[in-house]
Amino acid sequence: MSLLDSLPPKRIYDLAEPLNEQTPRSPTHPPFSLALLRRHGDSVSSDGMSSSADVMHLGGHTGTHVDALAHVSVYGRLHGGADAGDAMRGGRFRTHGVDTIAPFFGRGVLLDVPRALGVDALAPGQRITGSDLEAVATVERVAIGEGDAVLVRTGRPLGRFADMDSTEAVEAGVPGLDESAARWLAGKRVVVTGSDTIAYEWLAPGAGFSHLPVHVILLYESAIHIIEVMNLEELAADTVHEFLFVAAPLKISGGTGSPIRPLAVVG
């Protein structure tokens, strides 16, 4: 009997969206594309074997991804005061790059805001406050602790609830956390937080990406990483609020973000 056979049964929830040409993304980041670089039959060995390979194009913030601390600066400074200009000299970040993020492995909590409010999904541009998060945690009977991964469901992942492209969706407003909610999480000393939208934070209708205070509070001030474009629907449907959270970004040297495949493990 193997070690795996001795472990109790587990359910694994895949929290990533598929990467394809329809992958949700911010209009400020490039779309995903894939093409076959070599096709079966292009070259065939004497025993009949051939191989195929592809080439992909995407941004570090396309699809389900994690933000590195290098993603945000304030007055030319990164988290901890590092000079952003010096840090990115040479075309990639020598400090706070996505390759410096340790794999996430620890307790995860889902705060299902729509369910706590008795609705299927939040309205476009609906604000989530720190008091809202506290109320949801009370309803779910969960406590947020230091080092946790906190995932916030809005019920409005782009592409599932909006018959519009990403630019139109942003103009209509994106539900998400406001500054008080970000400071609530920072006060709990969480290590990472994520949501099912392309912006993570609240975007008022018509405001676009002109002001992102939540990114500043979490990444720049608090060194709390952000994961965007998560698939939280199955986890929410099964009313799973606590789980083992496992995720690791690609080790892209000096990158500002990376595709990531988060998993919630229960059992």
C-alpha atoms as a PDB file:
ATOM      1  CA  MET A   1       0.000   0.000   0.000  1.00  0.00           C
ATOM      2  CA  SER A   2       1.382   3.430  -0.946  1.00  0.00           C
ATOM      3  CA  LEU A   3       1.366   6.518   1.239  1.00  0.00           C
ATOM      4  CA  LEU A   4      -1.404   7.993  -0.912  1.00  0.00           C
ATOM      5  CA  ASP A   5      -3.589   4.949  -0.259  1.00  0.00           C
ATOM      6  CA  SER A   6      -3.390   5.607   3.483  1.00  0.00           C
ATOM      7  CA  LEU A   7      -4.593   9.206   3.209  1.00  0.00           C
ATOM      8  CA  PRO A   8      -8.286  10.047   3.673  1.00  0.00           C
ATOM      9  CA  PRO A   9     -10.380  10.777   0.546  1.00  0.00           C
ATOM     10  CA  LYS A  10     -10.016  14.337  -0.717  1.00  0.00           C
ATOM     11  CA  ARG A  11     -11.829  16.635  -3.120  1.00  0.00           C
ATOM     12  CA  ILE A  12      -9.751  19.017  -5.207  1.00  0.00           C
ATOM     13  CA  TYR A  13     -11.362  22.163  -6.616  1.00  0.00           C
ATOM     14  CA  ASP A  14      -9.600  23.758  -9.569  1.00  0.00           C
ATOM     15  CA  LEU A  15      -9.886  27.537  -9.120  1.00  0.00           C
ATOM     16  CA  ALA A  16      -8.258  28.559 -12.416  1.00  0.00           C
ATOM     17  CA  GLU A  17      -9.982  29.620 -15.616  1.00  0.00           C
ATOM     18  CA  PRO A  18      -8.867  27.850 -18.826  1.00  0.00           C
ATOM     19  CA  LEU A  19      -6.298  29.670 -20.943  1.00  0.00           C
ATOM     20  CA  ASN A  20      -7.655  30.185 -24.445  1.00  0.00           C
ATOM     21  CA  GLU A  21      -8.627  32.996 -26.795  1.00  0.00           C
ATOM     22  CA  GLN A  22     -11.737  33.723 -24.677  1.00  0.00           C
ATOM     23  CA  THR A  23      -9.829  33.899 -21.373  1.00  0.00           C
ATOM     24  CA  PRO A  24     -11.066  36.855 -19.285  1.00  0.00           C
ATOM     25  CA  ARG A  25      -8.515  39.652 -19.023  1.00  0.00           C
ATOM     26  CA  SER A  26      -8.206  43.310 -18.316  1.00  0.00           C
ATOM     27  CA  PRO A  27      -8.263  45.450 -21.475  1.00  0.00           C
ATOM     28  CA  THR A  28      -4.848  46.743 -20.381  1.00  0.00           C
ATOM     29  CA  HIS A  29      -3.261  43.297 -20.861  1.00  0.00           C
ATOM     30  CA  PRO A  30      -2.772  41.210 -24.025  1.00  0.00           C
ATOM     31  CA  PRO A  31      -5.034  38.276 -24.906  1.00  0.00           C
ATOM     32  CA  PHE A  32      -3.919  34.653 -24.859  1.00  0.00           C
ATOM     33  CA  SER A  33      -3.048  32.969 -28.142  1.00  0.00           C
ATOM     34  CA  LEU A  34      -1.646  29.555 -29.033  1.00  0.00           C
ATOM     35  CA  ALA A  35      -0.385  28.163 -32.324  1.00  0.00           C
ATOM     36  CA  LEU A  36       1.154  24.858 -33.314  1.00  0.00           C
ATOM     37  CA  LEU A  37       4.809  25.458 -34.086  1.00  0.00           C
ATOM     38  CA  ARG A  38       5.346  21.860 -35.222  1.00  0.00           C
ATOM     39  CA  ARG A  39       2.591  19.477 -36.285  1.00  0.00           C
ATOM     40  CA  HIS A  40       2.427  15.697 -36.291  1.00  0.00           C
ATOM     41  CA  GLY A  41       3.671  14.520 -39.647  1.00  0.00           C
ATOM     42  CA  ASP A  42       6.025  17.464 -40.216  1.00  0.00           C
ATOM     43  CA  SER A  43       8.859  15.155 -39.301  1.00  0.00           C
ATOM     44  CA  VAL A  44       8.472  11.394 -38.890  1.00  0.00           C
ATOM     45  CA  SER A  45      11.132   9.027 -37.585  1.00  0.00           C
ATOM     46  CA  SER A  46      11.842   5.618 -39.071  1.00  0.00           C
ATOM     47  CA  ASP A  47       9.633   3.922 -36.476  1.00  0.00           C
ATOM     48  CA  GLY A  48       6.654   6.149 -37.372  1.00  0.00           C
ATOM     49  CA  MET A  49       6.929   8.451 -34.357  1.00  0.00           C
ATOM     50  CA  SER A  50       6.374  12.209 -34.697  1.00  0.00           C
ATOM     51  CA  SER A  51       5.961  15.016 -32.187  1.00  0.00           C
ATOM     52  CA  SER A  52       4.048  18.242 -32.003  1.00  0.00           C
ATOM     53  CA  ALA A  53       4.848  21.469 -30.128  1.00  0.00           C
ATOM     54  CA  ASP A  54       3.206  24.834 -29.711  1.00  0.00           C
ATOM     55  CA  VAL A  55       4.051  28.449 -28.999  1.00  0.00           C
ATOM     56  CA  MET A  56       2.000  30.640 -26.626  1.00  0.00           C
ATOM     57  CA  HIS A  57       1.642  34.386 -26.281  1.00  0.00           C
ATOM     58  CA  LEU A  58       0.148  36.024 -23.200  1.00  0.00           C
ATOM     59  CA  GLY A  59       0.846  38.632 -20.597  1.00  0.00           C
ATOM     60  CA  GLY A  60       1.810  37.922 -17.009  1.00  0.00           C
ATOM     61  CA  HIS A  61      -1.590  39.301 -15.971  1.00  0.00           C
ATOM     62  CA  THR A  62      -3.735  37.400 -18.485  1.00  0.00           C
ATOM     63  CA  GLY A  63      -6.262  34.882 -17.155  1.00  0.00           C
ATOM     64  CA  THR A  64      -5.924  33.510 -13.628  1.00  0.00           C
ATOM     65  CA  HIS A  65      -2.726  35.106 -12.363  1.00  0.00           C
ATOM     66  CA  VAL A  66      -0.925  36.400  -9.297  1.00  0.00           C
ATOM     67  CA  ASP A  67       0.470  39.907  -8.910  1.00  0.00           C
ATOM     68  CA  ALA A  68       4.068  40.267  -7.777  1.00  0.00           C
ATOM     69  CA  LEU A  69       5.037  43.140  -5.479  1.00  0.00           C
ATOM     70  CA  ALA A  70       6.864  44.668  -8.453  1.00  0.00           C
ATOM     71  CA  HIS A  71       3.490  45.219 -10.126  1.00  0.00           C
ATOM     72  CA  VAL A  72       2.764  48.452  -8.229  1.00  0.00           C
ATOM     73  CA  SER A  73       4.890  51.467  -7.334  1.00  0.00           C
ATOM     74  CA  VAL A  74       4.045  54.723  -5.565  1.00  0.00           C
ATOM     75  CA  TYR A  75       6.028  57.853  -6.411  1.00  0.00           C
ATOM     76  CA  GLY A  76       8.712  55.684  -7.964  1.00  0.00           C
ATOM     77  CA  ARG A  77       9.089  53.328  -5.011  1.00  0.00           C
ATOM     78  CA  LEU A  78       8.220  49.646  -4.617  1.00  0.00           C
ATOM     79  CA  HIS A  79       7.214  47.909  -1.401  1.00  0.00           C
ATOM     80  CA  GLY A  80       9.792  48.557   1.299  1.00  0.00           C
ATOM     81  CA  GLY A  81      11.153  51.647  -0.432  1.00  0.00           C
ATOM     82  CA  ALA A  82      13.084  50.030  -3.291  1.00  0.00           C
ATOM     83  CA  ASP A  83      13.659  52.397  -6.208  1.00  0.00           C
ATOM     84  CA  ALA A  84      11.444  51.160  -9.056  1.00  0.00           C
ATOM     85  CA  GLY A  85      13.710  52.583 -11.760  1.00  0.00           C
ATOM     86  CA  ASP A  86      16.782  50.832 -10.409  1.00  0.00           C
ATOM     87  CA  ALA A  87      14.849  47.613  -9.762  1.00  0.00           C
ATOM     88  CA  MET A  88      13.675  47.281 -13.368  1.00  0.00           C
ATOM     89  CA  ARG A  89      16.912  48.318 -15.053  1.00  0.00           C
ATOM     90  CA  GLY A  90      17.698  45.808 -17.772  1.00  0.00           C
ATOM     91  CA  GLY A  91      14.072  45.062 -18.585  1.00  0.00           C
ATOM     92  CA  ARG A  92      13.153  42.824 -15.651  1.00  0.00           C
ATOM     93  CA  PHE A  93      12.851  43.339 -11.937  1.00  0.00           C
ATOM     94  CA  ARG A  94      15.829  42.526  -9.766  1.00  0.00           C
ATOM     95  CA  THR A  95      13.696  42.811  -6.628  1.00  0.00           C
ATOM     96  CA  HIS A  96      10.099  41.862  -5.847  1.00  0.00           C
ATOM     97  CA  GLY A  97       9.712  39.870  -9.083  1.00  0.00           C
ATOM     98  CA  VAL A  98       7.181  37.075  -9.346  1.00  0.00           C
ATOM     99  CA  ASP A  99       9.997  34.511  -9.089  1.00  0.00           C
ATOM    100  CA  THR A 100      10.501  35.579  -5.461  1.00  0.00           C
ATOM    101  CA  ILE A 101       6.979  34.469  -4.434  1.00  0.00           C
ATOM    102  CA  ALA A 102       7.070  31.309  -2.348  1.00  0.00           C
ATOM    103  CA  PRO A 103       4.469  28.647  -3.192  1.00  0.00           C
ATOM    104  CA  PHE A 104       1.223  29.117  -1.279  1.00  0.00           C
ATOM    105  CA  PHE A 105       0.407  26.161   0.967  1.00  0.00           C
ATOM    106  CA  GLY A 106      -1.873  26.780   3.909  1.00  0.00           C
ATOM    107  CA  ARG A 107      -5.348  27.523   5.148  1.00  0.00           C
ATOM    108  CA  GLY A 108      -7.762  29.065   2.684  1.00  0.00           C
ATOM    109  CA  VAL A 109     -11.088  30.774   3.345  1.00  0.00           C
ATOM    110  CA  LEU A 110     -13.853  31.610   0.878  1.00  0.00           C
ATOM    111  CA  LEU A 111     -15.904  34.687   1.734  1.00  0.00           C
ATOM    112  CA  ASP A 112     -19.004  34.269  -0.434  1.00  0.00           C
ATOM    113  CA  VAL A 113     -20.441  37.776  -0.413  1.00  0.00           C
ATOM    114  CA  PRO A 114     -23.498  37.197  -2.666  1.00  0.00           C
ATOM    115  CA  ARG A 115     -24.626  34.144  -0.693  1.00  0.00           C
ATOM    116  CA  ALA A 116     -24.369  36.039   2.586  1.00  0.00           C
ATOM    117  CA  LEU A 117     -26.506  38.805   1.058  1.00  0.00           C
ATOM    118  CA  GLY A 118     -29.039  36.339  -0.332  1.00  0.00           C
ATOM    119  CA  VAL A 119     -28.371  37.101  -4.011  1.00  0.00           C
ATOM    120  CA  ASP A 120     -26.842  35.157  -6.893  1.00  0.00           C
ATOM    121  CA  ALA A 121     -24.293  37.790  -7.794  1.00  0.00           C
ATOM    122  CA  LEU A 122     -23.279  41.320  -6.905  1.00  0.00           C
ATOM    123  CA  ALA A 123     -24.334  44.172  -9.149  1.00  0.00           C
ATOM    124  CA  PRO A 124     -21.809  45.722 -11.544  1.00  0.00           C
ATOM    125  CA  GLY A 125     -19.784  48.282  -9.645  1.00  0.00           C
ATOM    126  CA  GLN A 126     -21.005  47.124  -6.229  1.00  0.00           C
ATOM    127  CA  ARG A 127     -18.630  48.020  -3.413  1.00  0.00           C
ATOM    128  CA  ILE A 128     -17.485  45.491  -0.775  1.00  0.00           C
ATOM    129  CA  THR A 129     -16.452  47.126   2.490  1.00  0.00           C
ATOM    130  CA  GLY A 130     -14.501  45.876   5.471  1.00  0.00           C
ATOM    131  CA  SER A 131     -17.764  45.685   7.421  1.00  0.00           C
ATOM    132  CA  ASP A 132     -19.193  43.514   4.641  1.00  0.00           C
ATOM    133  CA  LEU A 133     -16.268  41.077   4.914  1.00  0.00           C
ATOM    134  CA  GLU A 134     -16.631  40.949   8.682  1.00  0.00           C
ATOM    135  CA  ALA A 135     -20.352  40.232   8.315  1.00  0.00           C
ATOM    136  CA  VAL A 136     -19.733  37.456   5.756  1.00  0.00           C
ATOM    137  CA  ALA A 137     -17.151  35.826   8.028  1.00  0.00           C
ATOM    138  CA  THR A 138     -19.683  35.940  10.873  1.00  0.00           C
ATOM    139  CA  VAL A 139     -22.400  34.357   8.710  1.00  0.00           C
ATOM    140  CA  GLU A 140     -20.005  31.607   7.604  1.00  0.00           C
ATOM    141  CA  ARG A 141     -18.649  31.162  11.141  1.00  0.00           C
ATOM    142  CA  VAL A 142     -15.055  31.449  10.000  1.00  0.00           C
ATOM    143  CA  ALA A 143     -12.218  33.418  11.532  1.00  0.00           C
ATOM    144  CA  ILE A 144      -9.500  34.959   9.385  1.00  0.00           C
ATOM    145  CA  GLY A 145      -5.995  34.374  10.723  1.00  0.00           C
ATOM    146  CA  GLU A 146      -2.438  35.410   9.969  1.00  0.00           C
ATOM    147  CA  GLY A 147      -1.028  33.655   6.908  1.00  0.00           C
ATOM    148  CA  ASP A 148      -4.426  32.709   5.478  1.00  0.00           C
ATOM    149  CA  ALA A 149      -5.425  32.894   1.835  1.00  0.00           C
ATOM    150  CA  VAL A 150      -8.732  34.767   1.603  1.00  0.00           C
ATOM    151  CA  LEU A 151     -10.800  34.393  -1.569  1.00  0.00           C
ATOM    152  CA  VAL A 152     -13.703  36.763  -2.150  1.00  0.00           C
ATOM    153  CA  ARG A 153     -16.543  35.738  -4.439  1.00  0.00           C
ATOM    154  CA  THR A 154     -18.612  38.378  -6.216  1.00  0.00           C
ATOM    155  CA  GLY A 155     -20.475  35.957  -8.473  1.00  0.00           C
ATOM    156  CA  ARG A 156     -19.646  38.094 -11.518  1.00  0.00           C
ATOM    157  CA  PRO A 157     -16.636  36.573 -13.281  1.00  0.00           C
ATOM    158  CA  LEU A 158     -16.224  38.233 -16.662  1.00  0.00           C
ATOM    159  CA  GLY A 159     -17.419  36.051 -19.524  1.00  0.00           C
ATOM    160  CA  ARG A 160     -19.970  34.202 -17.417  1.00  0.00           C
ATOM    161  CA  PHE A 161     -22.283  37.003 -16.439  1.00  0.00           C
ATOM    162  CA  ALA A 162     -21.669  39.715 -19.046  1.00  0.00           C
ATOM    163  CA  ASP A 163     -22.384  39.561 -22.777  1.00  0.00           C
ATOM    164  CA  MET A 164     -19.749  42.189 -23.487  1.00  0.00           C
ATOM    165  CA  ASP A 165     -16.019  42.454 -24.005  1.00  0.00           C
ATOM    166  CA  SER A 166     -13.667  43.354 -21.181  1.00  0.00           C
ATOM    167  CA  THR A 167     -13.557  47.068 -22.012  1.00  0.00           C
ATOM    168  CA  GLU A 168     -17.353  47.344 -21.917  1.00  0.00           C
ATOM    169  CA  ALA A 169     -17.487  45.344 -18.697  1.00  0.00           C
ATOM    170  CA  VAL A 170     -15.014  47.645 -16.975  1.00  0.00           C
ATOM    171  CA  GLU A 171     -16.963  50.711 -18.111  1.00  0.00           C
ATOM    172  CA  ALA A 172     -20.118  49.183 -16.596  1.00  0.00           C
ATOM    173  CA  GLY A 173     -18.322  48.844 -13.261  1.00  0.00           C
ATOM    174  CA  VAL A 174     -16.643  45.922 -11.508  1.00  0.00           C
ATOM    175  CA  PRO A 175     -17.725  44.722  -8.055  1.00  0.00           C
ATOM    176  CA  GLY A 176     -14.923  44.341  -5.560  1.00  0.00           C
ATOM    177  CA  LEU A 177     -13.197  45.412  -2.391  1.00  0.00           C
ATOM    178  CA  ASP A 178     -12.803  49.046  -1.426  1.00  0.00           C
ATOM    179  CA  GLU A 179     -10.053  50.579   0.715  1.00  0.00           C
ATOM    180  CA  SER A 180     -11.727  49.659   4.000  1.00  0.00           C
ATOM    181  CA  ALA A 181     -11.916  46.007   2.936  1.00  0.00           C
ATOM    182  CA  ALA A 182      -8.250  46.020   1.906  1.00  0.00           C
ATOM    183  CA  ARG A 183      -7.248  47.448   5.285  1.00  0.00           C
ATOM    184  CA  TRP A 184      -9.426  44.846   7.013  1.00  0.00           C
ATOM    185  CA  LEU A 185      -7.475  42.083   5.243  1.00  0.00           C
ATOM    186  CA  ALA A 186      -4.162  43.773   5.910  1.00  0.00           C
ATOM    187  CA  GLY A 187      -5.071  43.961   9.586  1.00  0.00           C
ATOM    188  CA  LYS A 188      -5.639  40.198   9.572  1.00  0.00           C
ATOM    189  CA  ARG A 189      -2.121  39.747   8.098  1.00  0.00           C
ATOM    190  CA  VAL A 190      -3.261  37.422   5.318  1.00  0.00           C
ATOM    191  CA  VAL A 191      -0.594  36.281   2.862  1.00  0.00           C
ATOM    192  CA  VAL A 192      -2.649  36.343  -0.349  1.00  0.00           C
ATOM    193  CA  THR A 193      -6.151  37.253  -1.440  1.00  0.00           C
ATOM    194  CA  GLY A 194      -8.040  36.661  -4.660  1.00  0.00           C
ATOM    195  CA  SER A 195     -11.349  37.159  -6.414  1.00  0.00           C
ATOM    196  CA  ASP A 196     -13.332  36.123  -9.476  1.00  0.00           C
ATOM    197  CA  THR A 197     -13.079  39.442 -11.326  1.00  0.00           C
ATOM    198  CA  ILE A 198     -10.453  40.952 -13.607  1.00  0.00           C
ATOM    199  CA  ALA A 199      -9.737  43.899 -11.305  1.00  0.00           C
ATOM    200  CA  TYR A 200      -9.990  42.364  -7.788  1.00  0.00           C
ATOM    201  CA  GLU A 201     -10.922  45.764  -6.422  1.00  0.00           C
ATOM    202  CA  TRP A 202     -14.031  47.869  -6.788  1.00  0.00           C
ATOM    203  CA  LEU A 203     -14.248  49.896 -10.001  1.00  0.00           C
ATOM    204  CA  ALA A 204     -17.080  52.400 -10.109  1.00  0.00           C
ATOM    205  CA  PRO A 205     -18.994  52.626 -13.411  1.00  0.00           C
ATOM    206  CA  GLY A 206     -16.987  54.694 -15.876  1.00  0.00           C
ATOM    207  CA  ALA A 207     -13.958  54.991 -13.585  1.00  0.00           C
ATOM    208  CA  GLY A 208     -11.831  52.398 -15.346  1.00  0.00           C
ATOM    209  CA  PHE A 209      -8.346  51.726 -13.973  1.00  0.00           C
ATOM    210  CA  SER A 210      -7.553  55.368 -13.207  1.00  0.00           C
ATOM    211  CA  HIS A 211      -7.254  54.755  -9.472  1.00  0.00           C
ATOM    212  CA  LEU A 212      -6.378  51.435  -7.771  1.00  0.00           C
ATOM    213  CA  PRO A 213      -6.053  52.116  -4.034  1.00  0.00           C
ATOM    214  CA  VAL A 214      -6.626  48.492  -3.042  1.00  0.00           C
ATOM    215  CA  HIS A 215      -3.605  47.385  -5.069  1.00  0.00           C
ATOM    216  CA  VAL A 216      -1.566  50.055  -3.308  1.00  0.00           C
ATOM    217  CA  ILE A 217      -2.721  48.982   0.155  1.00  0.00           C
ATOM    218  CA  LEU A 218      -2.192  45.269  -0.439  1.00  0.00           C
ATOM    219  CA  LEU A 219       0.876  45.083  -2.705  1.00  0.00           C
ATOM    220  CA  TYR A 220       2.787  48.273  -1.926  1.00  0.00           C
ATOM    221  CA  GLU A 221       1.982  48.819   1.743  1.00  0.00           C
ATOM    222  CA  SER A 222       1.301  45.309   3.060  1.00  0.00           C
ATOM    223  CA  ALA A 223       3.139  42.833   0.770  1.00  0.00           C
ATOM    224  CA  ILE A 224      -0.068  40.858   0.288  1.00  0.00           C
ATOM    225  CA  HIS A 225      -0.268  39.203  -3.134  1.00  0.00           C
ATOM    226  CA  ILE A 226      -3.402  39.417  -5.291  1.00  0.00           C
ATOM    227  CA  ILE A 227      -4.863  36.682  -7.507  1.00  0.00           C
ATOM    228  CA  GLU A 228      -7.388  37.721 -10.162  1.00  0.00           C
ATOM    229  CA  VAL A 229      -9.762  35.910 -12.539  1.00  0.00           C
ATOM    230  CA  MET A 230     -10.433  32.964 -10.237  1.00  0.00           C
ATOM    231  CA  ASN A 231     -13.186  30.379 -10.724  1.00  0.00           C
ATOM    232  CA  LEU A 232     -14.957  30.220  -7.374  1.00  0.00           C
ATOM    233  CA  GLU A 233     -18.345  28.970  -8.548  1.00  0.00           C
ATOM    234  CA  GLU A 234     -17.975  25.260  -7.798  1.00  0.00           C
ATOM    235  CA  LEU A 235     -16.453  25.947  -4.392  1.00  0.00           C
ATOM    236  CA  ALA A 236     -19.353  28.272  -3.589  1.00  0.00           C
ATOM    237  CA  ALA A 237     -21.989  25.854  -4.906  1.00  0.00           C
ATOM    238  CA  ASP A 238     -20.741  23.235  -2.445  1.00  0.00           C
ATOM    239  CA  THR A 239     -20.666  25.838   0.375  1.00  0.00           C
ATOM    240  CA  VAL A 240     -17.010  25.118   1.088  1.00  0.00           C
ATOM    241  CA  HIS A 241     -15.654  27.940   3.230  1.00  0.00           C
ATOM    242  CA  GLU A 242     -12.426  26.440   4.627  1.00  0.00           C
ATOM    243  CA  PHE A 243      -9.852  24.359   2.776  1.00  0.00           C
ATOM    244  CA  LEU A 244      -6.188  23.750   2.109  1.00  0.00           C
ATOM    245  CA  PHE A 245      -5.065  26.335  -0.426  1.00  0.00           C
ATOM    246  CA  VAL A 246      -2.262  25.307  -2.796  1.00  0.00           C
ATOM    247  CA  ALA A 247      -0.829  27.424  -5.608  1.00  0.00           C
ATOM    248  CA  ALA A 248       2.500  28.329  -7.169  1.00  0.00           C
ATOM    249  CA  PRO A 249       3.374  30.904  -9.824  1.00  0.00           C
ATOM    250  CA  LEU A 250       5.781  30.177 -12.634  1.00  0.00           C
ATOM    251  CA  LYS A 251       9.375  31.153 -11.817  1.00  0.00           C
ATOM    252  CA  ILE A 252       9.536  33.960 -14.351  1.00  0.00           C
ATOM    253  CA  SER A 253      12.719  35.824 -13.490  1.00  0.00           C
ATOM    254  CA  GLY A 254      11.903  39.448 -12.746  1.00  0.00           C
ATOM    255  CA  GLY A 255       8.274  39.241 -13.892  1.00  0.00           C
ATOM    256  CA  THR A 256       5.477  41.433 -12.532  1.00  0.00           C
ATOM    257  CA  GLY A 257       2.931  38.612 -12.582  1.00  0.00           C
ATOM    258  CA  SER A 258       2.444  35.005 -13.579  1.00  0.00           C
ATOM    259  CA  PRO A 259      -0.283  32.571 -14.612  1.00  0.00           C
ATOM    260  CA  ILE A 260      -1.198  30.450 -11.612  1.00  0.00           C
ATOM    261  CA  ARG A 261      -3.382  27.399 -10.984  1.00  0.00           C
ATOM    262  CA  PRO A 262      -4.842  27.635  -7.482  1.00  0.00           C
ATOM    263  CA  LEU A 263      -6.348  24.547  -5.868  1.00  0.00           C
ATOM    264  CA  ALA A 264      -8.666  24.156  -2.891  1.00  0.00           C
ATOM    265  CA  VAL A 265      -8.279  20.767  -1.213  1.00  0.00           C
ATOM    266  CA  VAL A 266     -10.884  19.435   1.221  1.00  0.00           C
ATOM    267  CA  GLY A 267     -11.486  16.069   2.766  1.00  0.00           C
END
